[in-house]
Amino acid sequence: LPFLSKKPFLDFIDLSKKYGNVFSFRGGSKNVVVLCDFLAV
């Protein structure tokens, strides 16, 4: 969470270019999965 900017949706697009359109991170005490692709959503 501390590495996310005030525009996390743009940060997630950058991360998806490295990890894929379905990627994860640890947000506090929660596992978070981000979907950046229509078919995944």
ModelCIF file with pLDDT and N, C-alpha, C, O atoms, coordinates in Angstrom:
data_MODEL
#
_entry.id   MODEL 
#
_entity.id                         1 
_entity.type                       polymer 
_entity.pdbx_number_of_molecules   1 
#
_entity_poly.entity_id                      1 
_entity_poly.type                           'polypeptide(L)' 
_entity_poly.nstd_linkage                   no 
_entity_poly.nstd_monomer                   no 
_entity_poly.pdbx_seq_one_letter_code       LPFLSKKPFLDFIDLSKKYGNVFSFRGGSKNVVVLCDFLAV 
_entity_poly.pdbx_seq_one_letter_code_can   LPFLSKKPFLDFIDLSKKYGNVFSFRGGSKNVVVLCDFLAV 
_entity_poly.pdbx_strand_id                 A 
#
loop_
_entity_poly_seq.entity_id 
_entity_poly_seq.num 
_entity_poly_seq.mon_id 
_entity_poly_seq.hetero 
1 1  LEU n 
1 2  PRO n 
1 3  PHE n 
1 4  LEU n 
1 5  SER n 
1 6  LYS n 
1 7  LYS n 
1 8  PRO n 
1 9  PHE n 
1 10 LEU n 
1 11 ASP n 
1 12 PHE n 
1 13 ILE n 
1 14 ASP n 
1 15 LEU n 
1 16 SER n 
1 17 LYS n 
1 18 LYS n 
1 19 TYR n 
1 20 GLY n 
1 21 ASN n 
1 22 VAL n 
1 23 PHE n 
1 24 SER n 
1 25 PHE n 
1 26 ARG n 
1 27 GLY n 
1 28 GLY n 
1 29 SER n 
1 30 LYS n 
1 31 ASN n 
1 32 VAL n 
1 33 VAL n 
1 34 VAL n 
1 35 LEU n 
1 36 CYS n 
1 37 ASP n 
1 38 PHE n 
1 39 LEU n 
1 40 ALA n 
1 41 VAL n 
#
_struct_asym.id          A 
_struct_asym.entity_id   1 
#
loop_
_ma_qa_metric.id 
_ma_qa_metric.mode 
_ma_qa_metric.name 
_ma_qa_metric.software_group_id 
_ma_qa_metric.type 
1 global pLDDT . pLDDT 
2 local  pLDDT . pLDDT 
#
_ma_qa_metric_global.metric_id      1 
_ma_qa_metric_global.metric_value   93.29 
_ma_qa_metric_global.model_id       1 
_ma_qa_metric_global.ordinal_id     1 
#
loop_
_ma_qa_metric_local.label_asym_id 
_ma_qa_metric_local.label_comp_id 
_ma_qa_metric_local.label_seq_id 
_ma_qa_metric_local.metric_id 
_ma_qa_metric_local.metric_value 
_ma_qa_metric_local.model_id 
_ma_qa_metric_local.ordinal_id 
A LEU 1  2 86.00 1 1  
A PRO 2  2 86.00 1 2  
A PHE 3  2 90.00 1 3  
A LEU 4  2 89.00 1 4  
A SER 5  2 90.00 1 5  
A LYS 6  2 88.00 1 6  
A LYS 7  2 92.00 1 7  
A PRO 8  2 91.00 1 8  
A PHE 9  2 94.00 1 9  
A LEU 10 2 95.00 1 10 
A ASP 11 2 94.00 1 11 
A PHE 12 2 95.00 1 12 
A ILE 13 2 97.00 1 13 
A ASP 14 2 97.00 1 14 
A LEU 15 2 97.00 1 15 
A SER 16 2 97.00 1 16 
A LYS 17 2 96.00 1 17 
A LYS 18 2 96.00 1 18 
A TYR 19 2 97.00 1 19 
A GLY 20 2 96.00 1 20 
A ASN 21 2 97.00 1 21 
A VAL 22 2 97.00 1 22 
A PHE 23 2 97.00 1 23 
A SER 24 2 96.00 1 24 
A PHE 25 2 93.00 1 25 
A ARG 26 2 92.00 1 26 
A GLY 27 2 86.00 1 27 
A GLY 28 2 82.00 1 28 
A SER 29 2 80.00 1 29 
A LYS 30 2 86.00 1 30 
A ASN 31 2 93.00 1 31 
A VAL 32 2 93.00 1 32 
A VAL 33 2 96.00 1 33 
A VAL 34 2 96.00 1 34 
A LEU 35 2 98.00 1 35 
A CYS 36 2 97.00 1 36 
A ASP 37 2 95.00 1 37 
A PHE 38 2 97.00 1 38 
A LEU 39 2 97.00 1 39 
A ALA 40 2 97.00 1 40 
A VAL 41 2 97.00 1 41 
#
loop_
_atom_site.group_PDB 
_atom_site.id 
_atom_site.type_symbol 
_atom_site.label_atom_id 
_atom_site.label_alt_id 
_atom_site.label_comp_id 
_atom_site.label_asym_id 
_atom_site.label_entity_id 
_atom_site.label_seq_id 
_atom_site.pdbx_PDB_ins_code 
_atom_site.Cartn_x 
_atom_site.Cartn_y 
_atom_site.Cartn_z 
_atom_site.occupancy 
_atom_site.B_iso_or_equiv 
_atom_site.pdbx_formal_charge 
_atom_site.auth_seq_id 
_atom_site.auth_comp_id 
_atom_site.auth_asym_id 
_atom_site.auth_atom_id 
_atom_site.pdbx_PDB_model_num 
ATOM 1   N N  . LEU A 1 1  ? 0.796   -1.225  0.000   1.00 86.00 ? 1  LEU A N  1 
ATOM 2   C CA . LEU A 1 1  ? 0.000   0.000   0.000   1.00 86.00 ? 1  LEU A CA 1 
ATOM 3   C C  . LEU A 1 1  ? 0.836   1.286   0.000   1.00 86.00 ? 1  LEU A C  1 
ATOM 4   O O  . LEU A 1 1  ? 0.458   2.235   -0.686  1.00 86.00 ? 1  LEU A O  1 
ATOM 5   N N  . PRO A 1 2  ? 1.964   1.364   0.743   1.00 86.00 ? 2  PRO A N  1 
ATOM 6   C CA . PRO A 1 2  ? 2.732   2.624   0.737   1.00 86.00 ? 2  PRO A CA 1 
ATOM 7   C C  . PRO A 1 2  ? 3.319   2.979   -0.628  1.00 86.00 ? 2  PRO A C  1 
ATOM 8   O O  . PRO A 1 2  ? 3.700   4.128   -0.850  1.00 86.00 ? 2  PRO A O  1 
ATOM 9   N N  . PHE A 1 3  ? 3.399   2.001   -1.555  1.00 90.00 ? 3  PHE A N  1 
ATOM 10  C CA . PHE A 1 3  ? 3.996   2.260   -2.855  1.00 90.00 ? 3  PHE A CA 1 
ATOM 11  C C  . PHE A 1 3  ? 2.975   2.734   -3.889  1.00 90.00 ? 3  PHE A C  1 
ATOM 12  O O  . PHE A 1 3  ? 3.336   3.050   -5.022  1.00 90.00 ? 3  PHE A O  1 
ATOM 13  N N  . LEU A 1 4  ? 1.702   2.781   -3.497  1.00 89.00 ? 4  LEU A N  1 
ATOM 14  C CA . LEU A 1 4  ? 0.672   3.221   -4.422  1.00 89.00 ? 4  LEU A CA 1 
ATOM 15  C C  . LEU A 1 4  ? 0.515   4.736   -4.353  1.00 89.00 ? 4  LEU A C  1 
ATOM 16  O O  . LEU A 1 4  ? 0.587   5.325   -3.274  1.00 89.00 ? 4  LEU A O  1 
ATOM 17  N N  . SER A 1 5  ? 0.302   5.356   -5.493  1.00 90.00 ? 5  SER A N  1 
ATOM 18  C CA . SER A 1 5  ? 0.153   6.802   -5.563  1.00 90.00 ? 5  SER A CA 1 
ATOM 19  C C  . SER A 1 5  ? -1.302  7.197   -5.327  1.00 90.00 ? 5  SER A C  1 
ATOM 20  O O  . SER A 1 5  ? -2.127  6.367   -4.945  1.00 90.00 ? 5  SER A O  1 
ATOM 21  N N  . LYS A 1 6  ? -1.603  8.469   -5.558  1.00 88.00 ? 6  LYS A N  1 
ATOM 22  C CA . LYS A 1 6  ? -2.973  8.949   -5.425  1.00 88.00 ? 6  LYS A CA 1 
ATOM 23  C C  . LYS A 1 6  ? -3.847  8.513   -6.596  1.00 88.00 ? 6  LYS A C  1 
ATOM 24  O O  . LYS A 1 6  ? -5.051  8.769   -6.612  1.00 88.00 ? 6  LYS A O  1 
ATOM 25  N N  . LYS A 1 7  ? -3.235  7.855   -7.573  1.00 92.00 ? 7  LYS A N  1 
ATOM 26  C CA . LYS A 1 7  ? -3.975  7.311   -8.718  1.00 92.00 ? 7  LYS A CA 1 
ATOM 27  C C  . LYS A 1 7  ? -3.630  5.828   -8.849  1.00 92.00 ? 7  LYS A C  1 
ATOM 28  O O  . LYS A 1 7  ? -2.923  5.431   -9.775  1.00 92.00 ? 7  LYS A O  1 
ATOM 29  N N  . PRO A 1 8  ? -4.130  5.013   -7.925  1.00 91.00 ? 8  PRO A N  1 
ATOM 30  C CA . PRO A 1 8  ? -3.739  3.597   -7.919  1.00 91.00 ? 8  PRO A CA 1 
ATOM 31  C C  . PRO A 1 8  ? -4.151  2.850   -9.181  1.00 91.00 ? 8  PRO A C  1 
ATOM 32  O O  . PRO A 1 8  ? -3.506  1.866   -9.545  1.00 91.00 ? 8  PRO A O  1 
ATOM 33  N N  . PHE A 1 9  ? -5.209  3.291   -9.858  1.00 94.00 ? 9  PHE A N  1 
ATOM 34  C CA . PHE A 1 9  ? -5.637  2.604   -11.082 1.00 94.00 ? 9  PHE A CA 1 
ATOM 35  C C  . PHE A 1 9  ? -4.570  2.695   -12.167 1.00 94.00 ? 9  PHE A C  1 
ATOM 36  O O  . PHE A 1 9  ? -4.455  1.794   -12.998 1.00 94.00 ? 9  PHE A O  1 
ATOM 37  N N  . LEU A 1 10 ? -3.781  3.787   -12.169 1.00 95.00 ? 10 LEU A N  1 
ATOM 38  C CA . LEU A 1 10 ? -2.666  3.906   -13.106 1.00 95.00 ? 10 LEU A CA 1 
ATOM 39  C C  . LEU A 1 10 ? -1.483  3.057   -12.653 1.00 95.00 ? 10 LEU A C  1 
ATOM 40  O O  . LEU A 1 10 ? -0.793  2.452   -13.473 1.00 95.00 ? 10 LEU A O  1 
ATOM 41  N N  . ASP A 1 11 ? -1.252  3.016   -11.336 1.00 94.00 ? 11 ASP A N  1 
ATOM 42  C CA . ASP A 1 11 ? -0.192  2.156   -10.800 1.00 94.00 ? 11 ASP A CA 1 
ATOM 43  C C  . ASP A 1 11 ? -0.460  0.700   -11.164 1.00 94.00 ? 11 ASP A C  1 
ATOM 44  O O  . ASP A 1 11 ? 0.462   -0.035  -11.515 1.00 94.00 ? 11 ASP A O  1 
ATOM 45  N N  . PHE A 1 12 ? -1.708  0.289   -11.081 1.00 95.00 ? 12 PHE A N  1 
ATOM 46  C CA . PHE A 1 12 ? -2.070  -1.100  -11.366 1.00 95.00 ? 12 PHE A CA 1 
ATOM 47  C C  . PHE A 1 12 ? -1.841  -1.436  -12.847 1.00 95.00 ? 12 PHE A C  1 
ATOM 48  O O  . PHE A 1 12 ? -1.462  -2.561  -13.175 1.00 95.00 ? 12 PHE A O  1 
ATOM 49  N N  . ILE A 1 13 ? -2.066  -0.476  -13.726 1.00 97.00 ? 13 ILE A N  1 
ATOM 50  C CA . ILE A 1 13 ? -1.789  -0.719  -15.145 1.00 97.00 ? 13 ILE A CA 1 
ATOM 51  C C  . ILE A 1 13 ? -0.296  -0.960  -15.351 1.00 97.00 ? 13 ILE A C  1 
ATOM 52  O O  . ILE A 1 13 ? 0.097   -1.853  -16.102 1.00 97.00 ? 13 ILE A O  1 
ATOM 53  N N  . ASP A 1 14 ? 0.529   -0.161  -14.685 1.00 97.00 ? 14 ASP A N  1 
ATOM 54  C CA . ASP A 1 14 ? 1.984   -0.352  -14.781 1.00 97.00 ? 14 ASP A CA 1 
ATOM 55  C C  . ASP A 1 14 ? 2.389   -1.725  -14.244 1.00 97.00 ? 14 ASP A C  1 
ATOM 56  O O  . ASP A 1 14 ? 3.210   -2.416  -14.846 1.00 97.00 ? 14 ASP A O  1 
ATOM 57  N N  . LEU A 1 15 ? 1.812   -2.111  -13.116 1.00 97.00 ? 15 LEU A N  1 
ATOM 58  C CA . LEU A 1 15 ? 2.145   -3.416  -12.536 1.00 97.00 ? 15 LEU A CA 1 
ATOM 59  C C  . LEU A 1 15 ? 1.677   -4.556  -13.428 1.00 97.00 ? 15 LEU A C  1 
ATOM 60  O O  . LEU A 1 15 ? 2.334   -5.594  -13.503 1.00 97.00 ? 15 LEU A O  1 
ATOM 61  N N  . SER A 1 16 ? 0.547   -4.373  -14.105 1.00 97.00 ? 16 SER A N  1 
ATOM 62  C CA . SER A 1 16 ? 0.030   -5.436  -14.979 1.00 97.00 ? 16 SER A CA 1 
ATOM 63  C C  . SER A 1 16 ? 0.960   -5.694  -16.162 1.00 97.00 ? 16 SER A C  1 
ATOM 64  O O  . SER A 1 16 ? 1.001   -6.804  -16.693 1.00 97.00 ? 16 SER A O  1 
ATOM 65  N N  . LYS A 1 17 ? 1.707   -4.668  -16.575 1.00 96.00 ? 17 LYS A N  1 
ATOM 66  C CA . LYS A 1 17 ? 2.649   -4.853  -17.676 1.00 96.00 ? 17 LYS A CA 1 
ATOM 67  C C  . LYS A 1 17 ? 3.791   -5.782  -17.273 1.00 96.00 ? 17 LYS A C  1 
ATOM 68  O O  . LYS A 1 17 ? 4.402   -6.428  -18.125 1.00 96.00 ? 17 LYS A O  1 
ATOM 69  N N  . LYS A 1 18 ? 4.072   -5.846  -15.986 1.00 96.00 ? 18 LYS A N  1 
ATOM 70  C CA . LYS A 1 18 ? 5.157   -6.706  -15.493 1.00 96.00 ? 18 LYS A CA 1 
ATOM 71  C C  . LYS A 1 18 ? 4.644   -8.065  -15.037 1.00 96.00 ? 18 LYS A C  1 
ATOM 72  O O  . LYS A 1 18 ? 5.283   -9.087  -15.288 1.00 96.00 ? 18 LYS A O  1 
ATOM 73  N N  . TYR A 1 19 ? 3.481   -8.081  -14.359 1.00 97.00 ? 19 TYR A N  1 
ATOM 74  C CA . TYR A 1 19 ? 3.005   -9.318  -13.742 1.00 97.00 ? 19 TYR A CA 1 
ATOM 75  C C  . TYR A 1 19 ? 1.809   -9.956  -14.446 1.00 97.00 ? 19 TYR A C  1 
ATOM 76  O O  . TYR A 1 19 ? 1.414   -11.071 -14.106 1.00 97.00 ? 19 TYR A O  1 
ATOM 77  N N  . GLY A 1 20 ? 1.234   -9.259  -15.421 1.00 96.00 ? 20 GLY A N  1 
ATOM 78  C CA . GLY A 1 20 ? 0.070   -9.802  -16.105 1.00 96.00 ? 20 GLY A CA 1 
ATOM 79  C C  . GLY A 1 20 ? -1.207  -9.091  -15.683 1.00 96.00 ? 20 GLY A C  1 
ATOM 80  O O  . GLY A 1 20 ? -1.220  -8.347  -14.702 1.00 96.00 ? 20 GLY A O  1 
ATOM 81  N N  . ASN A 1 21 ? -2.271  -9.322  -16.424 1.00 97.00 ? 21 ASN A N  1 
ATOM 82  C CA . ASN A 1 21 ? -3.536  -8.630  -16.173 1.00 97.00 ? 21 ASN A CA 1 
ATOM 83  C C  . ASN A 1 21 ? -4.281  -9.139  -14.948 1.00 97.00 ? 21 ASN A C  1 
ATOM 84  O O  . ASN A 1 21 ? -5.268  -8.533  -14.529 1.00 97.00 ? 21 ASN A O  1 
ATOM 85  N N  . VAL A 1 22 ? -3.825  -10.237 -14.373 1.00 97.00 ? 22 VAL A N  1 
ATOM 86  C CA . VAL A 1 22 ? -4.336  -10.704 -13.080 1.00 97.00 ? 22 VAL A CA 1 
ATOM 87  C C  . VAL A 1 22 ? -3.127  -10.831 -12.161 1.00 97.00 ? 22 VAL A C  1 
ATOM 88  O O  . VAL A 1 22 ? -2.318  -11.746 -12.319 1.00 97.00 ? 22 VAL A O  1 
ATOM 89  N N  . PHE A 1 23 ? -3.001  -9.924  -11.209 1.00 97.00 ? 23 PHE A N  1 
ATOM 90  C CA . PHE A 1 23 ? -1.841  -9.962  -10.316 1.00 97.00 ? 23 PHE A CA 1 
ATOM 91  C C  . PHE A 1 23 ? -2.302  -9.694  -8.883  1.00 97.00 ? 23 PHE A C  1 
ATOM 92  O O  . PHE A 1 23 ? -3.464  -9.366  -8.642  1.00 97.00 ? 23 PHE A O  1 
ATOM 93  N N  . SER A 1 24 ? -1.385  -9.838  -7.950  1.00 96.00 ? 24 SER A N  1 
ATOM 94  C CA . SER A 1 24 ? -1.740  -9.718  -6.534  1.00 96.00 ? 24 SER A CA 1 
ATOM 95  C C  . SER A 1 24 ? -0.734  -8.859  -5.792  1.00 96.00 ? 24 SER A C  1 
ATOM 96  O O  . SER A 1 24 ? 0.379   -8.622  -6.264  1.00 96.00 ? 24 SER A O  1 
ATOM 97  N N  . PHE A 1 25 ? -1.144  -8.402  -4.637  1.00 93.00 ? 25 PHE A N  1 
ATOM 98  C CA . PHE A 1 25 ? -0.227  -7.761  -3.696  1.00 93.00 ? 25 PHE A CA 1 
ATOM 99  C C  . PHE A 1 25 ? -0.829  -7.900  -2.305  1.00 93.00 ? 25 PHE A C  1 
ATOM 100 O O  . PHE A 1 25 ? -2.001  -8.241  -2.146  1.00 93.00 ? 25 PHE A O  1 
ATOM 101 N N  . ARG A 1 26 ? -0.021  -7.635  -1.327  1.00 92.00 ? 26 ARG A N  1 
ATOM 102 C CA . ARG A 1 26 ? -0.475  -7.675  0.053   1.00 92.00 ? 26 ARG A CA 1 
ATOM 103 C C  . ARG A 1 26 ? -0.880  -6.265  0.452   1.00 92.00 ? 26 ARG A C  1 
ATOM 104 O O  . ARG A 1 26 ? -0.055  -5.352  0.424   1.00 92.00 ? 26 ARG A O  1 
ATOM 105 N N  . GLY A 1 27 ? -2.142  -6.077  0.823   1.00 86.00 ? 27 GLY A N  1 
ATOM 106 C CA . GLY A 1 27 ? -2.627  -4.780  1.253   1.00 86.00 ? 27 GLY A CA 1 
ATOM 107 C C  . GLY A 1 27 ? -2.951  -4.826  2.729   1.00 86.00 ? 27 GLY A C  1 
ATOM 108 O O  . GLY A 1 27 ? -4.022  -5.291  3.117   1.00 86.00 ? 27 GLY A O  1 
ATOM 109 N N  . GLY A 1 28 ? -2.032  -4.346  3.561   1.00 82.00 ? 28 GLY A N  1 
ATOM 110 C CA . GLY A 1 28 ? -2.243  -4.447  4.997   1.00 82.00 ? 28 GLY A CA 1 
ATOM 111 C C  . GLY A 1 28 ? -2.309  -5.907  5.404   1.00 82.00 ? 28 GLY A C  1 
ATOM 112 O O  . GLY A 1 28 ? -1.364  -6.660  5.169   1.00 82.00 ? 28 GLY A O  1 
ATOM 113 N N  . SER A 1 29 ? -3.416  -6.316  6.012   1.00 80.00 ? 29 SER A N  1 
ATOM 114 C CA . SER A 1 29 ? -3.584  -7.709  6.435   1.00 80.00 ? 29 SER A CA 1 
ATOM 115 C C  . SER A 1 29 ? -4.395  -8.514  5.432   1.00 80.00 ? 29 SER A C  1 
ATOM 116 O O  . SER A 1 29 ? -4.848  -9.614  5.747   1.00 80.00 ? 29 SER A O  1 
ATOM 117 N N  . LYS A 1 30 ? -4.588  -7.978  4.213   1.00 86.00 ? 30 LYS A N  1 
ATOM 118 C CA . LYS A 1 30 ? -5.425  -8.630  3.214   1.00 86.00 ? 30 LYS A CA 1 
ATOM 119 C C  . LYS A 1 30 ? -4.614  -8.995  1.968   1.00 86.00 ? 30 LYS A C  1 
ATOM 120 O O  . LYS A 1 30 ? -3.747  -8.239  1.531   1.00 86.00 ? 30 LYS A O  1 
ATOM 121 N N  . ASN A 1 31 ? -4.915  -10.172 1.406   1.00 93.00 ? 31 ASN A N  1 
ATOM 122 C CA . ASN A 1 31 ? -4.439  -10.494 0.072   1.00 93.00 ? 31 ASN A CA 1 
ATOM 123 C C  . ASN A 1 31 ? -5.360  -9.805  -0.931  1.00 93.00 ? 31 ASN A C  1 
ATOM 124 O O  . ASN A 1 31 ? -6.582  -9.922  -0.834  1.00 93.00 ? 31 ASN A O  1 
ATOM 125 N N  . VAL A 1 32 ? -4.779  -9.088  -1.893  1.00 93.00 ? 32 VAL A N  1 
ATOM 126 C CA . VAL A 1 32 ? -5.555  -8.337  -2.874  1.00 93.00 ? 32 VAL A CA 1 
ATOM 127 C C  . VAL A 1 32 ? -5.196  -8.825  -4.267  1.00 93.00 ? 32 VAL A C  1 
ATOM 128 O O  . VAL A 1 32 ? -4.019  -8.929  -4.611  1.00 93.00 ? 32 VAL A O  1 
ATOM 129 N N  . VAL A 1 33 ? -6.211  -9.125  -5.070  1.00 96.00 ? 33 VAL A N  1 
ATOM 130 C CA . VAL A 1 33 ? -6.013  -9.498  -6.463  1.00 96.00 ? 33 VAL A CA 1 
ATOM 131 C C  . VAL A 1 33 ? -6.636  -8.420  -7.335  1.00 96.00 ? 33 VAL A C  1 
ATOM 132 O O  . VAL A 1 33 ? -7.790  -8.041  -7.137  1.00 96.00 ? 33 VAL A O  1 
ATOM 133 N N  . VAL A 1 34 ? -5.867  -7.927  -8.302  1.00 96.00 ? 34 VAL A N  1 
ATOM 134 C CA . VAL A 1 34 ? -6.315  -6.858  -9.189  1.00 96.00 ? 34 VAL A CA 1 
ATOM 135 C C  . VAL A 1 34 ? -6.559  -7.427  -10.581 1.00 96.00 ? 34 VAL A C  1 
ATOM 136 O O  . VAL A 1 34 ? -5.729  -8.162  -11.117 1.00 96.00 ? 34 VAL A O  1 
ATOM 137 N N  . LEU A 1 35 ? -7.703  -7.083  -11.158 1.00 98.00 ? 35 LEU A N  1 
ATOM 138 C CA . LEU A 1 35 ? -8.074  -7.546  -12.494 1.00 98.00 ? 35 LEU A CA 1 
ATOM 139 C C  . LEU A 1 35 ? -8.001  -6.362  -13.458 1.00 98.00 ? 35 LEU A C  1 
ATOM 140 O O  . LEU A 1 35 ? -8.751  -5.396  -13.315 1.00 98.00 ? 35 LEU A O  1 
ATOM 141 N N  . CYS A 1 36 ? -7.107  -6.436  -14.433 1.00 97.00 ? 36 CYS A N  1 
ATOM 142 C CA . CYS A 1 36 ? -6.905  -5.338  -15.379 1.00 97.00 ? 36 CYS A CA 1 
ATOM 143 C C  . CYS A 1 36 ? -7.314  -5.726  -16.792 1.00 97.00 ? 36 CYS A C  1 
ATOM 144 O O  . CYS A 1 36 ? -6.870  -5.109  -17.761 1.00 97.00 ? 36 CYS A O  1 
ATOM 145 N N  . ASP A 1 37 ? -8.147  -6.733  -16.913 1.00 95.00 ? 37 ASP A N  1 
ATOM 146 C CA . ASP A 1 37 ? -8.547  -7.238  -18.221 1.00 95.00 ? 37 ASP A CA 1 
ATOM 147 C C  . ASP A 1 37 ? -10.040 -7.506  -18.222 1.00 95.00 ? 37 ASP A C  1 
ATOM 148 O O  . ASP A 1 37 ? -10.580 -8.009  -17.236 1.00 95.00 ? 37 ASP A O  1 
ATOM 149 N N  . PHE A 1 38 ? -10.725 -7.173  -19.331 1.00 97.00 ? 38 PHE A N  1 
ATOM 150 C CA . PHE A 1 38 ? -12.174 -7.346  -19.385 1.00 97.00 ? 38 PHE A CA 1 
ATOM 151 C C  . PHE A 1 38 ? -12.591 -8.796  -19.178 1.00 97.00 ? 38 PHE A C  1 
ATOM 152 O O  . PHE A 1 38 ? -13.536 -9.060  -18.434 1.00 97.00 ? 38 PHE A O  1 
ATOM 153 N N  . LEU A 1 39 ? -11.910 -9.737  -19.817 1.00 97.00 ? 39 LEU A N  1 
ATOM 154 C CA . LEU A 1 39 ? -12.307 -11.139 -19.693 1.00 97.00 ? 39 LEU A CA 1 
ATOM 155 C C  . LEU A 1 39 ? -12.168 -11.630 -18.258 1.00 97.00 ? 39 LEU A C  1 
ATOM 156 O O  . LEU A 1 39 ? -12.986 -12.420 -17.787 1.00 97.00 ? 39 LEU A O  1 
ATOM 157 N N  . ALA A 1 40 ? -11.132 -11.163 -17.562 1.00 97.00 ? 40 ALA A N  1 
ATOM 158 C CA . ALA A 1 40 ? -10.954 -11.549 -16.157 1.00 97.00 ? 40 ALA A CA 1 
ATOM 159 C C  . ALA A 1 40 ? -12.050 -10.944 -15.293 1.00 97.00 ? 40 ALA A C  1 
ATOM 160 O O  . ALA A 1 40 ? -12.601 -11.618 -14.422 1.00 97.00 ? 40 ALA A O  1 
ATOM 161 N N  . VAL A 1 41 ? -12.373 -9.658  -15.534 1.00 97.00 ? 41 VAL A N  1 
ATOM 162 C CA . VAL A 1 41 ? -13.440 -9.001  -14.787 1.00 97.00 ? 41 VAL A CA 1 
ATOM 163 C C  . VAL A 1 41 ? -14.770 -9.707  -15.043 1.00 97.00 ? 41 VAL A C  1 
ATOM 164 O O  . VAL A 1 41 ? -15.798 -9.302  -14.500 1.00 97.00 ? 41 VAL A O  1 
#
